[in-house]
Amino acid sequence: MNNLNGNFDVAIIGAGPSGAVAAAQLARNGHKVLVLEKQHFPRFSIGESLLPQSMELLEQAGMLQAVVEAGFQFKNGAAFANKGLYDFFDFREKFSPGWGTTYQVQRAQFDKILADCATKDGAEIRYGHAVESYTEIDDNSVQLHVYDEQQNEYDITAKFVLDASGFGRVLPKLLNLEKESTLSTRISLFTHIEDRIGLKYFDRNKILISVHPENNEIWYWLIPFSDGRASVGVVLPRTIYEQHQHQEDADILKYFIYQTGKMSESLTEAVFDTPVGKLAGYSSDVTQMSGKHFALLGNAGEFLDPVFSSGVTIALKSAILAAETLDKQLRGEQVNWKNDFEQPLKLGIDTFRQFVEGWYDGSLQTVIFTKDKNPAVKAMICSVLAGYAWDTSNPYVKNPKRLHVLAQLCQK
């Protein structure tokens, strides 16, 4: 395995969206890039409903055409249901300029497309290879100890490491960077189904977010795909999940789905033909997003909650910012990772966080289900839901806490 040893400008842990985009950007700029991916692609992953802001980021990465040509399900907004209430946001009617439509994607295919684009741009991807240790060698490089599925071991050196390992959170674990999220602990159960949705009024061009009729901390997603299949899931407080632990996860998921209104009606003929997955305690945070020789991308840094499908958008944004900063650094320019990477990324994350917290404390749900919405304000809220969480011309990005004031006004 000695032929796998080598020196690289950049080593990237993980070939998911953030890893692939960063790899492509850096390789196109002439840097020697190695991506180490523990799994083999295509592989199942959750987080299938993209946001329009992602289209702009994919365009920047040179990957948009490949995604457009894949034939994914068109998406133009998000619909919300709670008991007898129903409303939706059409992302084309948002406040911020830019894309107003996007796609709902099977992540196995989507992630493979992005990874293949990175390979075409000159990055090397090694599938089935995992990083076991990270060691700073000197002021200019680090060493990663790697092993493959046959337990063959080797070392590579790199000037810089980007961790795009998602929920694997490789560097946060190796470097003891993890800290507890301020968000409550929740459990997510999910699967893919043959949806057989026969309702004529069901809109496949939108994700459907449903709220439990008695507990607004329990919510569901239904994401239709272009091939007659769909992603479905429920998010539960851990305490409620533990009350049902005598049941199989598949039975728990179905039990809660059948308590909804519109979603349950839509899935009366559905075939649950895929094992149910579970994510527990997924909200995460870190003590630092970057160091002398590393930076954390996407979920490897901070993951909030799946409720607004912000995961891929944050991952792509982090990759673009990191690649731009690292390219300058490798060319000998002076950079400041806190100013050039962390703070710009944090702006959008903090916006999403306020909306996630607003969802669970009920204030955002109040805004969403209010009948007589101010069109201008609705457009501003729509922009954040569409992923434009970095547009500071939007008052609800510049000061996301305005959301709670808006909810109070809606209640009057």
Protein backbone atom coordinates (compact mmCIF):
# COMPACT_ATOMS: atom_id res chain seq x y z
CA MET A 1 0.00 0.00 0.00
CA ASN A 2 3.01 2.30 -0.06
CA ASN A 3 1.87 3.66 -3.44
CA LEU A 4 -0.99 5.33 -1.57
CA ASN A 5 1.38 7.37 0.54
CA GLY A 6 1.92 10.86 -0.76
CA ASN A 7 2.02 14.60 -0.33
CA PHE A 8 -0.98 16.77 -1.16
CA ASP A 9 -1.89 20.41 -0.98
CA VAL A 10 -5.29 19.58 0.47
CA ALA A 11 -6.78 16.47 2.06
CA ILE A 12 -10.57 16.40 2.37
CA ILE A 13 -12.34 13.96 4.69
CA GLY A 14 -15.65 12.98 3.10
CA ALA A 15 -16.97 13.13 -0.48
CA GLY A 16 -20.47 14.43 0.30
CA PRO A 17 -21.71 17.78 -1.06
CA SER A 18 -19.34 20.01 0.90
CA GLY A 19 -16.31 17.78 0.26
CA ALA A 20 -17.06 17.44 -3.44
CA VAL A 21 -17.62 21.16 -3.99
CA ALA A 22 -14.48 22.17 -2.09
CA ALA A 23 -12.45 19.52 -3.93
CA ALA A 24 -13.67 20.68 -7.33
CA GLN A 25 -13.01 24.34 -6.60
CA LEU A 26 -9.48 23.71 -5.32
CA ALA A 27 -8.53 21.19 -8.01
CA ARG A 28 -9.69 23.56 -10.76
CA ASN A 29 -7.40 26.19 -9.27
CA GLY A 30 -4.42 23.90 -9.70
CA HIS A 31 -4.06 22.41 -6.22
CA LYS A 32 -3.35 18.73 -5.60
CA VAL A 33 -6.44 17.45 -3.78
CA LEU A 34 -7.12 14.06 -2.19
CA VAL A 35 -10.60 13.13 -0.89
CA LEU A 36 -10.86 10.26 1.60
CA GLU A 37 -14.37 8.79 1.79
CA LYS A 38 -15.17 5.99 4.22
CA GLN A 39 -18.17 4.71 2.26
CA HIS A 40 -18.77 3.78 -1.37
CA PHE A 41 -20.98 5.89 -3.61
CA PRO A 42 -23.83 5.82 -4.36
CA ARG A 43 -24.97 5.42 -0.76
CA PHE A 44 -28.12 6.35 1.14
CA SER A 45 -28.21 9.72 2.87
CA ILE A 46 -30.97 11.83 4.35
CA GLY A 47 -31.61 15.52 3.55
CA GLU A 48 -33.19 15.35 0.11
CA SER A 49 -35.06 18.63 -0.22
CA LEU A 50 -32.75 21.32 -1.57
CA LEU A 51 -33.24 25.07 -1.18
CA PRO A 52 -33.05 27.55 -4.09
CA GLN A 53 -29.95 29.20 -2.62
CA SER A 54 -28.17 25.88 -3.29
CA MET A 55 -28.62 26.39 -7.04
CA GLU A 56 -26.51 29.53 -6.98
CA LEU A 57 -23.83 27.72 -4.97
CA LEU A 58 -23.85 24.73 -7.34
CA GLU A 59 -23.55 27.17 -10.22
CA GLN A 60 -20.48 28.72 -8.58
CA ALA A 61 -19.02 25.24 -8.19
CA GLY A 62 -19.56 24.43 -11.89
CA MET A 63 -21.90 21.54 -11.04
CA LEU A 64 -25.33 22.96 -11.82
CA GLN A 65 -25.68 21.57 -15.33
CA ALA A 66 -24.97 18.02 -14.17
CA VAL A 67 -27.65 18.37 -11.47
CA VAL A 68 -30.20 19.88 -13.89
CA GLU A 69 -29.68 17.05 -16.38
CA ALA A 70 -30.28 14.35 -13.74
CA GLY A 71 -34.09 14.68 -13.91
CA PHE A 72 -34.76 15.27 -10.23
CA GLN A 73 -38.17 16.36 -8.92
CA PHE A 74 -38.81 20.07 -9.52
CA LYS A 75 -39.40 22.06 -6.32
CA ASN A 76 -40.85 25.57 -6.07
CA GLY A 77 -41.75 25.90 -2.40
CA ALA A 78 -42.74 24.47 0.95
CA ALA A 79 -46.22 23.57 2.21
CA PHE A 80 -47.24 23.39 5.86
CA ALA A 81 -50.16 21.53 7.46
CA ASN A 82 -51.45 21.53 11.03
CA LYS A 83 -54.85 20.03 11.86
CA GLY A 84 -57.23 21.78 9.46
CA LEU A 85 -54.75 24.54 8.62
CA TYR A 86 -52.76 24.58 5.39
CA ASP A 87 -50.53 27.20 3.80
CA PHE A 88 -47.53 27.31 1.53
CA PHE A 89 -44.64 29.52 0.49
CA ASP A 90 -43.81 29.80 -3.20
CA PHE A 91 -40.07 30.43 -3.30
CA ARG A 92 -40.46 32.37 -6.56
CA GLU A 93 -42.24 35.07 -4.52
CA LYS A 94 -39.32 35.66 -2.14
CA PHE A 95 -37.75 38.97 -1.14
CA SER A 96 -34.15 38.18 -2.14
CA PRO A 97 -32.91 38.08 -5.75
CA GLY A 98 -31.73 34.80 -7.18
CA TRP A 99 -33.06 31.33 -7.86
CA GLY A 100 -36.66 30.65 -6.82
CA THR A 101 -36.80 26.97 -7.72
CA THR A 102 -34.70 23.91 -7.00
CA TYR A 103 -35.03 20.12 -6.75
CA GLN A 104 -35.98 17.31 -4.41
CA VAL A 105 -33.23 14.74 -4.84
CA GLN A 106 -32.36 11.21 -3.88
CA ARG A 107 -29.10 11.93 -2.13
CA ALA A 108 -27.45 8.69 -3.28
CA GLN A 109 -27.65 9.89 -6.89
CA PHE A 110 -27.15 13.60 -6.11
CA ASP A 111 -24.02 13.11 -4.01
CA LYS A 112 -22.53 10.76 -6.63
CA ILE A 113 -23.09 13.39 -9.32
CA LEU A 114 -21.22 16.03 -7.30
CA ALA A 115 -18.39 13.63 -6.45
CA ASP A 116 -18.02 12.65 -10.12
CA CYS A 117 -17.84 16.35 -11.03
CA ALA A 118 -15.00 16.78 -8.52
CA THR A 119 -13.13 13.86 -10.08
CA LYS A 120 -13.55 15.37 -13.56
CA ASP A 121 -12.13 18.62 -12.23
CA GLY A 122 -8.97 16.83 -11.13
CA ALA A 123 -9.52 15.77 -7.51
CA GLU A 124 -8.61 12.22 -6.49
CA ILE A 125 -11.28 10.38 -4.46
CA ARG A 126 -10.48 7.19 -2.56
CA TYR A 127 -13.65 5.35 -1.55
CA GLY A 128 -13.57 2.92 1.37
CA HIS A 129 -10.73 4.81 3.06
CA ALA A 130 -11.08 6.18 6.60
CA VAL A 131 -8.97 8.63 8.59
CA GLU A 132 -7.75 7.26 11.90
CA SER A 133 -5.51 10.06 13.19
CA TYR A 134 -4.46 13.66 12.56
CA THR A 135 -0.96 14.84 13.52
CA GLU A 136 0.68 18.20 12.98
CA ILE A 137 4.16 17.56 11.58
CA ASP A 138 5.48 21.12 11.39
CA ASP A 139 4.31 24.65 10.63
CA ASN A 140 3.52 23.72 7.06
CA SER A 141 1.87 20.32 7.09
CA VAL A 142 -0.11 17.63 8.87
CA GLN A 143 -0.13 13.86 8.59
CA LEU A 144 -3.26 11.74 8.30
CA HIS A 145 -3.11 8.04 9.14
CA VAL A 146 -5.53 6.21 6.86
CA TYR A 147 -6.81 2.65 6.56
CA ASP A 148 -8.92 0.93 3.93
CA GLU A 149 -11.51 -1.84 4.17
CA GLN A 150 -8.82 -4.52 4.11
CA GLN A 151 -7.20 -2.77 7.11
CA ASN A 152 -4.21 -1.76 5.01
CA GLU A 153 -2.69 1.37 6.57
CA TYR A 154 -0.80 4.27 5.11
CA ASP A 155 0.04 7.93 5.77
CA ILE A 156 -0.44 11.02 3.67
CA THR A 157 0.73 14.55 4.33
CA ALA A 158 -1.16 17.70 3.43
CA LYS A 159 -0.70 21.41 3.83
CA PHE A 160 -4.32 21.70 4.97
CA VAL A 161 -7.24 19.42 5.87
CA LEU A 162 -10.95 20.10 5.28
CA ASP A 163 -13.32 17.93 7.30
CA ALA A 164 -16.46 17.26 5.26
CA SER A 165 -17.33 14.04 7.10
CA GLY A 166 -20.86 15.15 8.04
CA PHE A 167 -22.36 13.28 10.98
CA GLY A 168 -19.14 11.24 11.15
CA ARG A 169 -17.51 14.40 12.60
CA VAL A 170 -14.01 12.96 12.24
CA LEU A 171 -11.86 15.93 13.29
CA PRO A 172 -14.19 17.15 16.07
CA LYS A 173 -13.77 13.70 17.63
CA LEU A 174 -10.03 13.34 16.97
CA LEU A 175 -9.22 16.88 18.14
CA ASN A 176 -11.74 17.02 20.99
CA LEU A 177 -13.62 19.96 19.46
CA GLU A 178 -17.17 18.81 20.16
CA LYS A 179 -19.49 20.73 22.43
CA GLU A 180 -23.12 20.26 23.26
CA SER A 181 -25.65 21.98 21.05
CA THR A 182 -27.96 24.56 22.61
CA LEU A 183 -30.86 22.89 20.79
CA SER A 184 -32.91 20.21 22.55
CA THR A 185 -32.19 16.54 21.95
CA ARG A 186 -34.46 15.00 19.32
CA ILE A 187 -34.84 11.72 17.45
CA SER A 188 -35.54 11.48 13.75
CA LEU A 189 -37.02 8.36 12.10
CA PHE A 190 -37.15 8.22 8.30
CA THR A 191 -37.38 6.02 5.22
CA HIS A 192 -38.08 5.99 1.49
CA ILE A 193 -41.42 4.66 0.26
CA GLU A 194 -43.36 3.98 -2.90
CA ASP A 195 -45.77 6.80 -2.16
CA ARG A 196 -48.72 6.05 -4.51
CA ILE A 197 -50.13 9.50 -3.75
CA GLY A 198 -53.48 9.61 -5.53
CA LEU A 199 -54.88 12.88 -4.21
CA LYS A 200 -55.41 15.28 -7.09
CA TYR A 201 -54.79 18.32 -4.91
CA PHE A 202 -51.40 17.09 -3.63
CA ASP A 203 -48.56 19.30 -4.87
CA ARG A 204 -45.47 17.20 -5.68
CA ASN A 205 -43.51 20.39 -6.39
CA LYS A 206 -43.32 21.24 -2.69
CA ILE A 207 -42.05 19.57 0.43
CA LEU A 208 -44.93 19.01 2.88
CA ILE A 209 -44.16 19.79 6.52
CA SER A 210 -46.86 18.58 8.90
CA VAL A 211 -47.30 19.30 12.61
CA HIS A 212 -48.63 16.80 15.14
CA PRO A 213 -52.23 17.76 16.04
CA GLU A 214 -51.51 17.88 19.79
CA ASN A 215 -47.77 18.55 20.17
CA ASN A 216 -46.14 21.14 17.94
CA GLU A 217 -42.67 19.84 18.83
CA ILE A 218 -43.46 16.74 16.75
CA TRP A 219 -43.30 17.33 13.02
CA TYR A 220 -43.08 15.37 9.80
CA TRP A 221 -41.72 15.70 6.29
CA LEU A 222 -42.97 14.28 3.01
CA ILE A 223 -40.62 14.85 0.07
CA PRO A 224 -41.90 13.48 -3.26
CA PHE A 225 -39.37 12.36 -5.87
CA SER A 226 -39.77 12.28 -9.65
CA ASP A 227 -40.04 8.48 -9.82
CA GLY A 228 -43.15 7.95 -7.68
CA ARG A 229 -41.18 7.48 -4.51
CA ALA A 230 -40.82 9.81 -1.54
CA SER A 231 -38.85 10.45 1.62
CA VAL A 232 -40.90 10.51 4.81
CA GLY A 233 -39.81 11.15 8.37
CA VAL A 234 -40.85 12.25 11.83
CA VAL A 235 -38.92 14.28 14.41
CA LEU A 236 -39.69 13.56 18.06
CA PRO A 237 -38.44 14.84 21.41
CA ARG A 238 -36.29 12.08 22.88
CA THR A 239 -38.66 11.68 25.86
CA ILE A 240 -41.58 10.86 23.54
CA TYR A 241 -39.51 8.42 21.49
CA GLU A 242 -38.48 6.62 24.67
CA GLN A 243 -42.14 6.09 25.57
CA HIS A 244 -42.43 3.93 22.43
CA GLN A 245 -39.13 2.07 22.65
CA HIS A 246 -40.90 -1.27 23.05
CA GLN A 247 -41.95 -0.91 19.40
CA GLU A 248 -39.89 -1.26 16.23
CA ASP A 249 -38.80 2.05 14.70
CA ALA A 250 -40.84 1.28 11.56
CA ASP A 251 -43.98 0.89 13.66
CA ILE A 252 -43.25 4.11 15.56
CA LEU A 253 -42.86 6.01 12.30
CA LYS A 254 -46.14 4.68 10.90
CA TYR A 255 -47.94 5.28 14.22
CA PHE A 256 -47.09 8.96 14.18
CA ILE A 257 -47.69 9.42 10.45
CA TYR A 258 -51.23 8.08 10.82
CA GLN A 259 -51.95 10.77 13.40
CA THR A 260 -51.53 13.52 10.83
CA GLY A 261 -54.25 14.83 8.57
CA LYS A 262 -53.15 15.74 5.05
CA MET A 263 -49.99 13.63 5.13
CA SER A 264 -51.78 10.52 6.35
CA GLU A 265 -54.51 10.99 3.73
CA SER A 266 -51.85 11.31 1.04
CA LEU A 267 -50.14 8.04 2.04
CA THR A 268 -53.11 5.69 2.44
CA GLU A 269 -51.85 3.51 -0.43
CA ALA A 270 -48.12 3.93 0.30
CA VAL A 271 -45.81 0.92 0.36
CA PHE A 272 -43.17 1.03 3.09
CA ASP A 273 -40.53 -1.09 1.38
CA THR A 274 -37.27 0.30 2.78
CA PRO A 275 -35.72 -0.13 6.26
CA VAL A 276 -36.30 2.79 8.63
CA GLY A 277 -33.27 4.85 9.62
CA LYS A 278 -32.72 6.76 12.84
CA LEU A 279 -30.70 9.80 13.82
CA ALA A 280 -30.41 10.48 17.54
CA GLY A 281 -29.07 13.64 19.15
CA TYR A 282 -28.12 14.96 15.72
CA SER A 283 -27.89 18.68 16.64
CA SER A 284 -24.23 19.42 17.22
CA ASP A 285 -21.72 22.20 17.72
CA VAL A 286 -17.95 22.67 18.04
CA THR A 287 -15.57 24.83 20.04
CA GLN A 288 -13.90 26.10 16.85
CA MET A 289 -14.58 25.86 13.13
CA SER A 290 -10.97 26.17 11.98
CA GLY A 291 -7.38 25.88 13.16
CA LYS A 292 -3.88 26.32 11.81
CA HIS A 293 -4.15 23.40 9.40
CA PHE A 294 -7.86 22.56 9.27
CA ALA A 295 -11.41 23.79 8.77
CA LEU A 296 -14.76 22.09 9.34
CA LEU A 297 -17.38 22.06 6.62
CA GLY A 298 -21.14 21.51 6.80
CA ASN A 299 -22.41 19.06 9.40
CA ALA A 300 -18.89 18.28 10.59
CA GLY A 301 -19.00 21.72 12.21
CA GLU A 302 -22.51 22.57 13.31
CA PHE A 303 -25.80 20.90 12.46
CA LEU A 304 -29.02 22.53 13.58
CA ASP A 305 -32.14 20.59 12.66
CA PRO A 306 -33.68 19.14 9.48
CA VAL A 307 -36.87 21.22 9.69
CA PHE A 308 -35.95 23.78 7.01
CA SER A 309 -33.72 21.57 4.85
CA SER A 310 -30.81 23.89 5.55
CA GLY A 311 -28.17 21.15 5.82
CA VAL A 312 -27.06 20.95 2.17
CA THR A 313 -27.24 24.73 1.75
CA ILE A 314 -24.97 25.31 4.75
CA ALA A 315 -22.66 22.54 3.53
CA LEU A 316 -22.32 24.10 0.07
CA LYS A 317 -21.86 27.62 1.47
CA SER A 318 -19.15 26.39 3.85
CA ALA A 319 -17.37 24.65 0.97
CA ILE A 320 -17.39 27.73 -1.25
CA LEU A 321 -16.11 29.99 1.53
CA ALA A 322 -13.43 27.51 2.65
CA ALA A 323 -12.20 26.85 -0.90
CA GLU A 324 -11.89 30.57 -1.63
CA THR A 325 -10.00 31.20 1.62
CA LEU A 326 -7.74 28.18 1.25
CA ASP A 327 -6.93 28.94 -2.38
CA LYS A 328 -5.62 32.35 -1.31
CA GLN A 329 -3.63 30.82 1.55
CA LEU A 330 -2.01 28.20 -0.69
CA ARG A 331 -1.02 30.96 -3.10
CA GLY A 332 0.83 32.74 -0.30
CA GLU A 333 -1.76 35.42 0.46
CA GLN A 334 -2.50 36.44 4.03
CA VAL A 335 -5.89 35.16 5.20
CA ASN A 336 -7.85 35.23 8.42
CA TRP A 337 -10.01 32.13 8.75
CA LYS A 338 -12.21 33.69 11.42
CA ASN A 339 -12.96 36.77 9.30
CA ASP A 340 -12.96 35.13 5.87
CA PHE A 341 -14.66 31.81 6.66
CA GLU A 342 -16.16 31.47 10.13
CA GLN A 343 -17.95 34.79 10.52
CA PRO A 344 -19.53 34.86 7.03
CA LEU A 345 -20.72 31.26 7.48
CA LYS A 346 -21.99 31.95 10.99
CA LEU A 347 -24.23 34.75 9.68
CA GLY A 348 -26.45 32.29 7.84
CA ILE A 349 -26.24 29.59 10.51
CA ASP A 350 -27.41 32.06 13.15
CA THR A 351 -30.34 33.08 10.94
CA PHE A 352 -31.39 29.47 10.48
CA ARG A 353 -30.94 28.84 14.21
CA GLN A 354 -33.39 31.60 15.12
CA PHE A 355 -35.94 30.11 12.73
CA VAL A 356 -35.38 26.58 14.10
CA GLU A 357 -35.85 27.84 17.65
CA GLY A 358 -38.90 29.80 16.46
CA TRP A 359 -40.37 26.65 14.98
CA TYR A 360 -40.12 24.71 18.23
CA ASP A 361 -41.25 27.51 20.54
CA GLY A 362 -44.27 28.02 18.28
CA SER A 363 -43.56 31.56 17.08
CA LEU A 364 -42.69 30.60 13.51
CA GLN A 365 -45.66 28.25 13.32
CA THR A 366 -47.85 31.18 14.37
CA VAL A 367 -46.41 33.26 11.51
CA ILE A 368 -46.79 30.46 8.96
CA PHE A 369 -50.43 29.68 9.77
CA THR A 370 -51.61 33.28 10.17
CA LYS A 371 -54.34 33.88 7.57
CA ASP A 372 -53.87 37.52 6.64
CA LYS A 373 -50.14 37.84 5.95
CA ASN A 374 -48.53 41.09 4.92
CA PRO A 375 -47.24 40.25 1.40
CA ALA A 376 -43.95 42.12 1.87
CA VAL A 377 -43.24 40.43 5.20
CA LYS A 378 -44.24 37.04 3.81
CA ALA A 379 -41.71 37.52 1.00
CA MET A 380 -38.98 38.20 3.57
CA ILE A 381 -39.84 35.06 5.56
CA CYS A 382 -40.03 33.14 2.29
CA SER A 383 -36.46 34.19 1.44
CA VAL A 384 -35.08 32.64 4.62
CA LEU A 385 -37.08 29.44 4.02
CA ALA A 386 -35.60 29.40 0.49
CA GLY A 387 -32.09 29.44 1.96
CA TYR A 388 -31.19 33.10 1.49
CA ALA A 389 -29.98 33.34 5.08
CA TRP A 390 -26.96 35.48 4.14
CA ASP A 391 -28.92 38.33 2.50
CA THR A 392 -28.51 41.12 5.06
CA SER A 393 -30.82 43.40 3.05
CA ASN A 394 -33.56 41.19 4.48
CA PRO A 395 -34.57 42.55 7.93
CA TYR A 396 -35.16 38.99 9.15
CA VAL A 397 -31.54 38.11 8.31
CA LYS A 398 -30.06 41.32 9.62
CA ASN A 399 -31.93 40.76 12.89
CA PRO A 400 -33.49 37.25 12.98
CA LYS A 401 -34.97 37.91 16.44
CA ARG A 402 -37.54 40.11 14.69
CA LEU A 403 -39.32 36.82 14.02
CA HIS A 404 -40.54 36.67 17.63
CA VAL A 405 -41.88 40.22 17.43
CA LEU A 406 -43.70 39.30 14.23
CA ALA A 407 -45.27 36.28 15.94
CA GLN A 408 -46.58 38.51 18.75
CA LEU A 409 -48.15 40.84 16.18
CA CYS A 410 -49.77 37.87 14.42
CA GLN A 411 -51.40 36.79 17.68
CA LYS A 412 -53.12 40.15 18.21
